[in-house]
Amino acid sequence: MLYAIIATDAEGSLAARLAARPAHLARLQALQDDGRLVLAGPHPAIDSNDPGTAGFSGSLIVAEFASLEAATGWAEADPYRAAGVYTQVVVKPFKQVFPSA
């Protein structure tokens, strides 16, 4: 089943985000390589694709996992969580309607 992982960044966490980014991206790449990643990306803190020093307010990941528990465990083990970038992570089942799968 698909799950949406919705994370909220801590204020002033841009430096920690940048430091942990390679490890974070490696985990997403593994999901993609397994054919389980639907989409992933950050929410810019301002209305711009390149928010510069304004940074990001969080992230969204939609991927396939065996269960809610597996998705939650994966999300909690994210390097951004360990680095203090994410202050809150919500994991919800997700039903893709469009584009049709």
PDB file of N, CA and C in Angstrom:
ATOM      1  N   MET A   1       0.845  -1.178   0.000  1.00  0.00           N
ATOM      2  CA  MET A   1       0.000   0.000   0.000  1.00  0.00           C
ATOM      3  C   MET A   1       0.889   1.239   0.000  1.00  0.00           C
ATOM      4  N   LEU A   2       0.333   2.334  -0.528  1.00  0.00           N
ATOM      5  CA  LEU A   2       1.054   3.601  -0.507  1.00  0.00           C
ATOM      6  C   LEU A   2       0.810   4.320   0.810  1.00  0.00           C
ATOM      7  N   TYR A   3       1.835   5.077   1.233  1.00  0.00           N
ATOM      8  CA  TYR A   3       1.749   5.888   2.448  1.00  0.00           C
ATOM      9  C   TYR A   3       2.338   7.259   2.152  1.00  0.00           C
ATOM     10  N   ALA A   4       1.702   8.293   2.704  1.00  0.00           N
ATOM     11  CA  ALA A   4       2.213   9.660   2.635  1.00  0.00           C
ATOM     12  C   ALA A   4       2.955   9.942   3.931  1.00  0.00           C
ATOM     13  N   ILE A   5       4.180  10.403   3.797  1.00  0.00           N
ATOM     14  CA  ILE A   5       4.996  10.808   4.932  1.00  0.00           C
ATOM     15  C   ILE A   5       5.101  12.322   4.851  1.00  0.00           C
ATOM     16  N   ILE A   6       4.512  12.995   5.835  1.00  0.00           N
ATOM     17  CA  ILE A   6       4.429  14.456   5.837  1.00  0.00           C
ATOM     18  C   ILE A   6       5.237  14.954   7.035  1.00  0.00           C
ATOM     19  N   ALA A   7       6.324  15.632   6.749  1.00  0.00           N
ATOM     20  CA  ALA A   7       7.238  16.055   7.809  1.00  0.00           C
ATOM     21  C   ALA A   7       7.289  17.573   7.899  1.00  0.00           C
ATOM     22  N   THR A   8       7.487  18.066   9.111  1.00  0.00           N
ATOM     23  CA  THR A   8       7.608  19.495   9.380  1.00  0.00           C
ATOM     24  C   THR A   8       9.009  19.783   9.889  1.00  0.00           C
ATOM     25  N   ASP A   9       9.658  20.780   9.282  1.00  0.00           N
ATOM     26  CA  ASP A   9      11.017  21.158   9.683  1.00  0.00           C
ATOM     27  C   ASP A   9      11.016  22.051  10.915  1.00  0.00           C
ATOM     28  N   ALA A  10      12.053  21.923  11.709  1.00  0.00           N
ATOM     29  CA  ALA A  10      12.303  22.829  12.832  1.00  0.00           C
ATOM     30  C   ALA A  10      12.729  24.187  12.283  1.00  0.00           C
ATOM     31  N   GLU A  11      12.376  25.232  12.987  1.00  0.00           N
ATOM     32  CA  GLU A  11      12.840  26.571  12.615  1.00  0.00           C
ATOM     33  C   GLU A  11      14.369  26.593  12.635  1.00  0.00           C
ATOM     34  N   GLY A  12      14.959  27.227  11.646  1.00  0.00           N
ATOM     35  CA  GLY A  12      16.402  27.396  11.614  1.00  0.00           C
ATOM     36  C   GLY A  12      17.185  26.112  11.382  1.00  0.00           C
ATOM     37  N   SER A  13      16.580  25.129  10.728  1.00  0.00           N
ATOM     38  CA  SER A  13      17.244  23.834  10.563  1.00  0.00           C
ATOM     39  C   SER A  13      17.912  23.657   9.204  1.00  0.00           C
ATOM     40  N   LEU A  14      18.053  24.718   8.421  1.00  0.00           N
ATOM     41  CA  LEU A  14      18.605  24.584   7.076  1.00  0.00           C
ATOM     42  C   LEU A  14      20.010  23.983   7.075  1.00  0.00           C
ATOM     43  N   ALA A  15      20.884  24.429   7.968  1.00  0.00           N
ATOM     44  CA  ALA A  15      22.250  23.886   7.995  1.00  0.00           C
ATOM     45  C   ALA A  15      22.243  22.392   8.312  1.00  0.00           C
ATOM     46  N   ALA A  16      21.419  21.979   9.259  1.00  0.00           N
ATOM     47  CA  ALA A  16      21.309  20.557   9.597  1.00  0.00           C
ATOM     48  C   ALA A  16      20.725  19.777   8.431  1.00  0.00           C
ATOM     49  N   ARG A  17      19.768  20.365   7.740  1.00  0.00           N
ATOM     50  CA  ARG A  17      19.166  19.722   6.560  1.00  0.00           C
ATOM     51  C   ARG A  17      20.222  19.491   5.489  1.00  0.00           C
ATOM     52  N   LEU A  18      21.001  20.505   5.196  1.00  0.00           N
ATOM     53  CA  LEU A  18      22.031  20.380   4.163  1.00  0.00           C
ATOM     54  C   LEU A  18      23.086  19.343   4.540  1.00  0.00           C
ATOM     55  N   ALA A  19      23.444  19.283   5.811  1.00  0.00           N
ATOM     56  CA  ALA A  19      24.443  18.312   6.259  1.00  0.00           C
ATOM     57  C   ALA A  19      23.937  16.872   6.154  1.00  0.00           C
ATOM     58  N   ALA A  20      22.671  16.667   6.439  1.00  0.00           N
ATOM     59  CA  ALA A  20      22.093  15.314   6.430  1.00  0.00           C
ATOM     60  C   ALA A  20      21.536  14.925   5.062  1.00  0.00           C
ATOM     61  N   ARG A  21      21.518  15.839   4.121  1.00  0.00           N
ATOM     62  CA  ARG A  21      20.885  15.604   2.822  1.00  0.00           C
ATOM     63  C   ARG A  21      21.440  14.392   2.068  1.00  0.00           C
ATOM     64  N   PRO A  22      22.754  14.202   1.968  1.00  0.00           N
ATOM     65  CA  PRO A  22      23.236  13.036   1.214  1.00  0.00           C
ATOM     66  C   PRO A  22      22.699  11.703   1.751  1.00  0.00           C
ATOM     67  N   ALA A  23      22.660  11.530   3.050  1.00  0.00           N
ATOM     68  CA  ALA A  23      22.147  10.288   3.640  1.00  0.00           C
ATOM     69  C   ALA A  23      20.636  10.174   3.409  1.00  0.00           C
ATOM     70  N   HIS A  24      19.927  11.291   3.514  1.00  0.00           N
ATOM     71  CA  HIS A  24      18.487  11.310   3.265  1.00  0.00           C
ATOM     72  C   HIS A  24      18.194  10.902   1.818  1.00  0.00           C
ATOM     73  N   LEU A  25      18.924  11.491   0.873  1.00  0.00           N
ATOM     74  CA  LEU A  25      18.711  11.184  -0.537  1.00  0.00           C
ATOM     75  C   LEU A  25      19.073   9.738  -0.865  1.00  0.00           C
ATOM     76  N   ALA A  26      20.069   9.187  -0.206  1.00  0.00           N
ATOM     77  CA  ALA A  26      20.457   7.791  -0.438  1.00  0.00           C
ATOM     78  C   ALA A  26      19.312   6.848  -0.081  1.00  0.00           C
ATOM     79  N   ARG A  27      18.603   7.136   0.998  1.00  0.00           N
ATOM     80  CA  ARG A  27      17.461   6.297   1.388  1.00  0.00           C
ATOM     81  C   ARG A  27      16.325   6.415   0.375  1.00  0.00           C
ATOM     82  N   LEU A  28      16.092   7.626  -0.123  1.00  0.00           N
ATOM     83  CA  LEU A  28      15.063   7.810  -1.141  1.00  0.00           C
ATOM     84  C   LEU A  28      15.459   7.118  -2.443  1.00  0.00           C
ATOM     85  N   GLN A  29      16.734   7.175  -2.782  1.00  0.00           N
ATOM     86  CA  GLN A  29      17.217   6.500  -3.986  1.00  0.00           C
ATOM     87  C   GLN A  29      16.996   4.994  -3.882  1.00  0.00           C
ATOM     88  N   ALA A  30      17.192   4.434  -2.697  1.00  0.00           N
ATOM     89  CA  ALA A  30      16.960   2.995  -2.492  1.00  0.00           C
ATOM     90  C   ALA A  30      15.491   2.651  -2.716  1.00  0.00           C
ATOM     91  N   LEU A  31      14.581   3.504  -2.225  1.00  0.00           N
ATOM     92  CA  LEU A  31      13.151   3.287  -2.483  1.00  0.00           C
ATOM     93  C   LEU A  31      12.862   3.354  -3.981  1.00  0.00           C
ATOM     94  N   GLN A  32      13.457   4.321  -4.645  1.00  0.00           N
ATOM     95  CA  GLN A  32      13.254   4.468  -6.090  1.00  0.00           C
ATOM     96  C   GLN A  32      13.805   3.256  -6.830  1.00  0.00           C
ATOM     97  N   ASP A  33      14.985   2.810  -6.453  1.00  0.00           N
ATOM     98  CA  ASP A  33      15.588   1.650  -7.098  1.00  0.00           C
ATOM     99  C   ASP A  33      14.738   0.396  -6.929  1.00  0.00           C
ATOM    100  N   ASP A  34      14.016   0.313  -5.814  1.00  0.00           N
ATOM    101  CA  ASP A  34      13.114  -0.818  -5.550  1.00  0.00           C
ATOM    102  C   ASP A  34      11.750  -0.646  -6.233  1.00  0.00           C
ATOM    103  N   GLY A  35      11.540   0.499  -6.914  1.00  0.00           N
ATOM    104  CA  GLY A  35      10.269   0.751  -7.580  1.00  0.00           C
ATOM    105  C   GLY A  35       9.144   1.096  -6.631  1.00  0.00           C
ATOM    106  N   ARG A  36       9.477   1.588  -5.431  1.00  0.00           N
ATOM    107  CA  ARG A  36       8.474   1.867  -4.400  1.00  0.00           C
ATOM    108  C   ARG A  36       8.200   3.353  -4.192  1.00  0.00           C
ATOM    109  N   LEU A  37       8.991   4.228  -4.791  1.00  0.00           N
ATOM    110  CA  LEU A  37       8.847   5.666  -4.572  1.00  0.00           C
ATOM    111  C   LEU A  37       7.930   6.271  -5.635  1.00  0.00           C
ATOM    112  N   VAL A  38       6.877   6.963  -5.198  1.00  0.00           N
ATOM    113  CA  VAL A  38       5.971   7.657  -6.106  1.00  0.00           C
ATOM    114  C   VAL A  38       6.454   9.085  -6.308  1.00  0.00           C
ATOM    115  N   LEU A  39       6.749   9.777  -5.210  1.00  0.00           N
ATOM    116  CA  LEU A  39       7.270  11.145  -5.280  1.00  0.00           C
ATOM    117  C   LEU A  39       7.898  11.516  -3.954  1.00  0.00           C
ATOM    118  N   ALA A  40       8.773  12.493  -4.007  1.00  0.00           N
ATOM    119  CA  ALA A  40       9.413  13.001  -2.789  1.00  0.00           C
ATOM    120  C   ALA A  40       9.959  14.386  -3.065  1.00  0.00           C
ATOM    121  N   GLY A  41       9.888  15.238  -2.061  1.00  0.00           N
ATOM    122  CA  GLY A  41      10.470  16.562  -2.201  1.00  0.00           C
ATOM    123  C   GLY A  41      10.158  17.443  -1.012  1.00  0.00           C
ATOM    124  N   PRO A  42      10.883  18.559  -0.932  1.00  0.00           N
ATOM    125  CA  PRO A  42      10.688  19.489   0.174  1.00  0.00           C
ATOM    126  C   PRO A  42       9.638  20.548  -0.136  1.00  0.00           C
ATOM    127  N   HIS A  43       9.156  21.191   0.919  1.00  0.00           N
ATOM    128  CA  HIS A  43       8.257  22.337   0.804  1.00  0.00           C
ATOM    129  C   HIS A  43       9.107  23.595   1.027  1.00  0.00           C
ATOM    130  N   PRO A  44       9.371  24.387  -0.011  1.00  0.00           N
ATOM    131  CA  PRO A  44      10.109  25.633   0.200  1.00  0.00           C
ATOM    132  C   PRO A  44       9.367  26.538   1.192  1.00  0.00           C
ATOM    133  N   ALA A  45      10.121  27.222   2.017  1.00  0.00           N
ATOM    134  CA  ALA A  45       9.526  28.096   3.031  1.00  0.00           C
ATOM    135  C   ALA A  45       8.923  29.355   2.420  1.00  0.00           C
ATOM    136  N   ILE A  46       9.317  29.665   1.191  1.00  0.00           N
ATOM    137  CA  ILE A  46       8.765  30.817   0.477  1.00  0.00           C
ATOM    138  C   ILE A  46       8.302  30.349  -0.903  1.00  0.00           C
ATOM    139  N   ASP A  47       7.610  31.172  -1.604  1.00  0.00           N
ATOM    140  CA  ASP A  47       7.062  30.829  -2.916  1.00  0.00           C
ATOM    141  C   ASP A  47       8.151  30.903  -3.984  1.00  0.00           C
ATOM    142  N   SER A  48       9.042  29.907  -3.948  1.00  0.00           N
ATOM    143  CA  SER A  48      10.160  29.876  -4.888  1.00  0.00           C
ATOM    144  C   SER A  48      10.720  28.463  -4.949  1.00  0.00           C
ATOM    145  N   ASN A  49      11.109  28.021  -6.142  1.00  0.00           N
ATOM    146  CA  ASN A  49      11.764  26.719  -6.260  1.00  0.00           C
ATOM    147  C   ASN A  49      13.128  26.713  -5.582  1.00  0.00           C
ATOM    148  N   ASP A  50      13.758  27.877  -5.497  1.00  0.00           N
ATOM    149  CA  ASP A  50      15.048  28.009  -4.822  1.00  0.00           C
ATOM    150  C   ASP A  50      14.893  29.020  -3.693  1.00  0.00           C
ATOM    151  N   PRO A  51      14.528  28.540  -2.481  1.00  0.00           N
ATOM    152  CA  PRO A  51      14.239  29.480  -1.391  1.00  0.00           C
ATOM    153  C   PRO A  51      15.474  30.088  -0.732  1.00  0.00           C
ATOM    154  N   GLY A  52      16.667  29.682  -1.164  1.00  0.00           N
ATOM    155  CA  GLY A  52      17.882  30.241  -0.585  1.00  0.00           C
ATOM    156  C   GLY A  52      17.930  30.060   0.917  1.00  0.00           C
ATOM    157  N   THR A  53      18.295  31.110   1.626  1.00  0.00           N
ATOM    158  CA  THR A  53      18.449  31.022   3.082  1.00  0.00           C
ATOM    159  C   THR A  53      17.121  30.893   3.820  1.00  0.00           C
ATOM    160  N   ALA A  54      15.991  31.121   3.121  1.00  0.00           N
ATOM    161  CA  ALA A  54      14.682  30.919   3.760  1.00  0.00           C
ATOM    162  C   ALA A  54      14.478  29.441   4.073  1.00  0.00           C
ATOM    163  N   GLY A  55      15.112  28.570   3.301  1.00  0.00           N
ATOM    164  CA  GLY A  55      15.068  27.142   3.574  1.00  0.00           C
ATOM    165  C   GLY A  55      13.734  26.496   3.249  1.00  0.00           C
ATOM    166  N   PHE A  56      13.402  25.505   4.042  1.00  0.00           N
ATOM    167  CA  PHE A  56      12.238  24.665   3.781  1.00  0.00           C
ATOM    168  C   PHE A  56      11.394  24.530   5.039  1.00  0.00           C
ATOM    169  N   SER A  57      10.112  24.258   4.831  1.00  0.00           N
ATOM    170  CA  SER A  57       9.211  24.104   5.975  1.00  0.00           C
ATOM    171  C   SER A  57       8.886  22.641   6.252  1.00  0.00           C
ATOM    172  N   GLY A  58       9.326  21.753   5.374  1.00  0.00           N
ATOM    173  CA  GLY A  58       9.062  20.331   5.575  1.00  0.00           C
ATOM    174  C   GLY A  58       9.244  19.553   4.296  1.00  0.00           C
ATOM    175  N   SER A  59       8.735  18.324   4.295  1.00  0.00           N
ATOM    176  CA  SER A  59       8.886  17.429   3.148  1.00  0.00           C
ATOM    177  C   SER A  59       7.650  16.564   2.988  1.00  0.00           C
ATOM    178  N   LEU A  60       7.494  16.045   1.770  1.00  0.00           N
ATOM    179  CA  LEU A  60       6.444  15.082   1.463  1.00  0.00           C
ATOM    180  C   LEU A  60       7.071  13.925   0.716  1.00  0.00           C
ATOM    181  N   ILE A  61       6.774  12.715   1.177  1.00  0.00           N
ATOM    182  CA  ILE A  61       7.216  11.497   0.513  1.00  0.00           C
ATOM    183  C   ILE A  61       5.989  10.613   0.366  1.00  0.00           C
ATOM    184  N   VAL A  62       5.785  10.068  -0.821  1.00  0.00           N
ATOM    185  CA  VAL A  62       4.742   9.069  -1.041  1.00  0.00           C
ATOM    186  C   VAL A  62       5.443   7.837  -1.586  1.00  0.00           C
ATOM    187  N   ALA A  63       5.310   6.731  -0.856  1.00  0.00           N
ATOM    188  CA  ALA A  63       6.002   5.504  -1.237  1.00  0.00           C
ATOM    189  C   ALA A  63       5.220   4.287  -0.787  1.00  0.00           C
ATOM    190  N   GLU A  64       5.585   3.157  -1.354  1.00  0.00           N
ATOM    191  CA  GLU A  64       4.934   1.894  -1.015  1.00  0.00           C
ATOM    192  C   GLU A  64       5.678   1.196   0.117  1.00  0.00           C
ATOM    193  N   PHE A  65       4.901   0.756   1.093  1.00  0.00           N
ATOM    194  CA  PHE A  65       5.434  -0.022   2.220  1.00  0.00           C
ATOM    195  C   PHE A  65       4.481  -1.176   2.496  1.00  0.00           C
ATOM    196  N   ALA A  66       4.966  -2.178   3.196  1.00  0.00           N
ATOM    197  CA  ALA A  66       4.162  -3.362   3.506  1.00  0.00           C
ATOM    198  C   ALA A  66       3.043  -3.059   4.498  1.00  0.00           C
ATOM    199  N   SER A  67       3.246  -2.039   5.338  1.00  0.00           N
ATOM    200  CA  SER A  67       2.264  -1.725   6.377  1.00  0.00           C
ATOM    201  C   SER A  67       2.495  -0.310   6.891  1.00  0.00           C
ATOM    202  N   LEU A  68       1.518   0.183   7.642  1.00  0.00           N
ATOM    203  CA  LEU A  68       1.660   1.483   8.292  1.00  0.00           C
ATOM    204  C   LEU A  68       2.843   1.464   9.251  1.00  0.00           C
ATOM    205  N   GLU A  69       3.003   0.363   9.956  1.00  0.00           N
ATOM    206  CA  GLU A  69       4.121   0.244  10.899  1.00  0.00           C
ATOM    207  C   GLU A  69       5.471   0.308  10.177  1.00  0.00           C
ATOM    208  N   ALA A  70       5.562  -0.346   9.023  1.00  0.00           N
ATOM    209  CA  ALA A  70       6.804  -0.310   8.250  1.00  0.00           C
ATOM    210  C   ALA A  70       7.094   1.098   7.742  1.00  0.00           C
ATOM    211  N   ALA A  71       6.057   1.791   7.259  1.00  0.00           N
ATOM    212  CA  ALA A  71       6.225   3.164   6.775  1.00  0.00           C
ATOM    213  C   ALA A  71       6.637   4.089   7.911  1.00  0.00           C
ATOM    214  N   THR A  72       6.007   3.937   9.063  1.00  0.00           N
ATOM    215  CA  THR A  72       6.335   4.766  10.224  1.00  0.00           C
ATOM    216  C   THR A  72       7.756   4.504  10.689  1.00  0.00           C
ATOM    217  N   GLY A  73       8.156   3.253  10.740  1.00  0.00           N
ATOM    218  CA  GLY A  73       9.522   2.912  11.134  1.00  0.00           C
ATOM    219  C   GLY A  73      10.542   3.490  10.182  1.00  0.00           C
ATOM    220  N   TRP A  74      10.248   3.412   8.879  1.00  0.00           N
ATOM    221  CA  TRP A  74      11.156   3.974   7.879  1.00  0.00           C
ATOM    222  C   TRP A  74      11.271   5.490   8.073  1.00  0.00           C
ATOM    223  N   ALA A  75      10.143   6.150   8.274  1.00  0.00           N
ATOM    224  CA  ALA A  75      10.138   7.605   8.443  1.00  0.00           C
ATOM    225  C   ALA A  75      10.893   8.029   9.701  1.00  0.00           C
ATOM    226  N   GLU A  76      10.706   7.295  10.782  1.00  0.00           N
ATOM    227  CA  GLU A  76      11.373   7.652  12.041  1.00  0.00           C
ATOM    228  C   GLU A  76      12.888   7.450  11.965  1.00  0.00           C
ATOM    229  N   ALA A  77      13.349   6.584  11.051  1.00  0.00           N
ATOM    230  CA  ALA A  77      14.784   6.327  10.907  1.00  0.00           C
ATOM    231  C   ALA A  77      15.454   7.275   9.911  1.00  0.00           C
ATOM    232  N   ASP A  78      14.715   8.242   9.405  1.00  0.00           N
ATOM    233  CA  ASP A  78      15.273   9.162   8.409  1.00  0.00           C
ATOM    234  C   ASP A  78      16.399   9.997   9.015  1.00  0.00           C
ATOM    235  N   PRO A  79      17.477  10.213   8.283  1.00  0.00           N
ATOM    236  CA  PRO A  79      18.566  11.061   8.781  1.00  0.00           C
ATOM    237  C   PRO A  79      18.134  12.467   9.166  1.00  0.00           C
ATOM    238  N   TYR A  80      17.119  13.005   8.509  1.00  0.00           N
ATOM    239  CA  TYR A  80      16.628  14.324   8.895  1.00  0.00           C
ATOM    240  C   TYR A  80      16.014  14.286  10.294  1.00  0.00           C
ATOM    241  N   ARG A  81      15.383  13.195  10.641  1.00  0.00           N
ATOM    242  CA  ARG A  81      14.817  13.043  11.989  1.00  0.00           C
ATOM    243  C   ARG A  81      15.941  13.000  13.011  1.00  0.00           C
ATOM    244  N   ALA A  82      16.970  12.193  12.730  1.00  0.00           N
ATOM    245  CA  ALA A  82      18.105  12.064  13.650  1.00  0.00           C
ATOM    246  C   ALA A  82      18.866  13.379  13.809  1.00  0.00           C
ATOM    247  N   ALA A  83      18.905  14.184  12.743  1.00  0.00           N
ATOM    248  CA  ALA A  83      19.646  15.448  12.769  1.00  0.00           C
ATOM    249  C   ALA A  83      18.832  16.585  13.383  1.00  0.00           C
ATOM    250  N   GLY A  84      17.577  16.320  13.752  1.00  0.00           N
ATOM    251  CA  GLY A  84      16.746  17.363  14.337  1.00  0.00           C
ATOM    252  C   GLY A  84      16.107  18.287  13.320  1.00  0.00           C
ATOM    253  N   VAL A  85      16.160  17.921  12.042  1.00  0.00           N
ATOM    254  CA  VAL A  85      15.522  18.740  11.009  1.00  0.00           C
ATOM    255  C   VAL A  85      14.008  18.627  11.134  1.00  0.00           C
ATOM    256  N   TYR A  86      13.506  17.404  11.240  1.00  0.00           N
ATOM    257  CA  TYR A  86      12.072  17.179  11.351  1.00  0.00           C
ATOM    258  C   TYR A  86      11.639  17.239  12.815  1.00  0.00           C
ATOM    259  N   THR A  87      10.694  18.114  13.102  1.00  0.00           N
ATOM    260  CA  THR A  87      10.136  18.171  14.451  1.00  0.00           C
ATOM    261  C   THR A  87       8.887  17.315  14.575  1.00  0.00           C
ATOM    262  N   GLN A  88       8.223  17.089  13.442  1.00  0.00           N
ATOM    263  CA  GLN A  88       7.009  16.274  13.448  1.00  0.00           C
ATOM    264  C   GLN A  88       6.964  15.478  12.162  1.00  0.00           C
ATOM    265  N   VAL A  89       6.561  14.207  12.271  1.00  0.00           N
ATOM    266  CA  VAL A  89       6.383  13.353  11.104  1.00  0.00           C
ATOM    267  C   VAL A  89       5.039  12.646  11.243  1.00  0.00           C
ATOM    268  N   VAL A  90       4.191  12.805  10.236  1.00  0.00           N
ATOM    269  CA  VAL A  90       2.890  12.150  10.192  1.00  0.00           C
ATOM    270  C   VAL A  90       2.920  11.168   9.028  1.00  0.00           C
ATOM    271  N   VAL A  91       2.484   9.943   9.285  1.00  0.00           N
ATOM    272  CA  VAL A  91       2.430   8.923   8.243  1.00  0.00           C
ATOM    273  C   VAL A  91       0.983   8.483   8.108  1.00  0.00           C
ATOM    274  N   LYS A  92       0.468   8.540   6.862  1.00  0.00           N
ATOM    275  CA  LYS A  92      -0.931   8.199   6.607  1.00  0.00           C
ATOM    276  C   LYS A  92      -1.022   7.283   5.385  1.00  0.00           C
ATOM    277  N   PRO A  93      -1.961   6.336   5.402  1.00  0.00           N
ATOM    278  CA  PRO A  93      -2.229   5.587   4.181  1.00  0.00           C
ATOM    279  C   PRO A  93      -2.636   6.571   3.075  1.00  0.00           C
ATOM    280  N   PHE A  94      -2.273   6.235   1.838  1.00  0.00           N
ATOM    281  CA  PHE A  94      -2.529   7.124   0.715  1.00  0.00           C
ATOM    282  C   PHE A  94      -3.084   6.314  -0.457  1.00  0.00           C
ATOM    283  N   LYS A  95      -4.180   6.794  -1.032  1.00  0.00           N
ATOM    284  CA  LYS A  95      -4.781   6.141  -2.199  1.00  0.00           C
ATOM    285  C   LYS A  95      -4.554   7.030  -3.411  1.00  0.00           C
ATOM    286  N   GLN A  96      -3.720   6.569  -4.331  1.00  0.00           N
ATOM    287  CA  GLN A  96      -3.443   7.342  -5.550  1.00  0.00           C
ATOM    288  C   GLN A  96      -4.607   7.224  -6.512  1.00  0.00           C
ATOM    289  N   VAL A  97      -5.105   8.381  -6.971  1.00  0.00           N
ATOM    290  CA  VAL A  97      -6.179   8.427  -7.959  1.00  0.00           C
ATOM    291  C   VAL A  97      -5.629   8.925  -9.298  1.00  0.00           C
ATOM    292  N   PHE A  98      -4.891  10.020  -9.259  1.00  0.00           N
ATOM    293  CA  PHE A  98      -4.257  10.581 -10.443  1.00  0.00           C
ATOM    294  C   PHE A  98      -2.793  10.854 -10.182  1.00  0.00           C
ATOM    295  N   PRO A  99      -1.906  10.724 -11.158  1.00  0.00           N
ATOM    296  CA  PRO A  99      -2.232  10.017 -12.379  1.00  0.00           C
ATOM    297  C   PRO A  99      -2.550   8.563 -12.083  1.00  0.00           C
ATOM    298  N   SER A 100      -3.404   7.997 -12.909  1.00  0.00           N
ATOM    299  CA  SER A 100      -3.817   6.614 -12.652  1.00  0.00           C
ATOM    300  C   SER A 100      -2.618   5.678 -12.739  1.00  0.00           C
ATOM    301  N   ALA A 101      -2.569   4.784 -11.783  1.00  0.00           N
ATOM    302  CA  ALA A 101      -1.425   3.879 -11.683  1.00  0.00           C
ATOM    303  C   ALA A 101      -1.564   2.694 -12.603  1.00  0.00           C
TER     304      ALA A 101
END
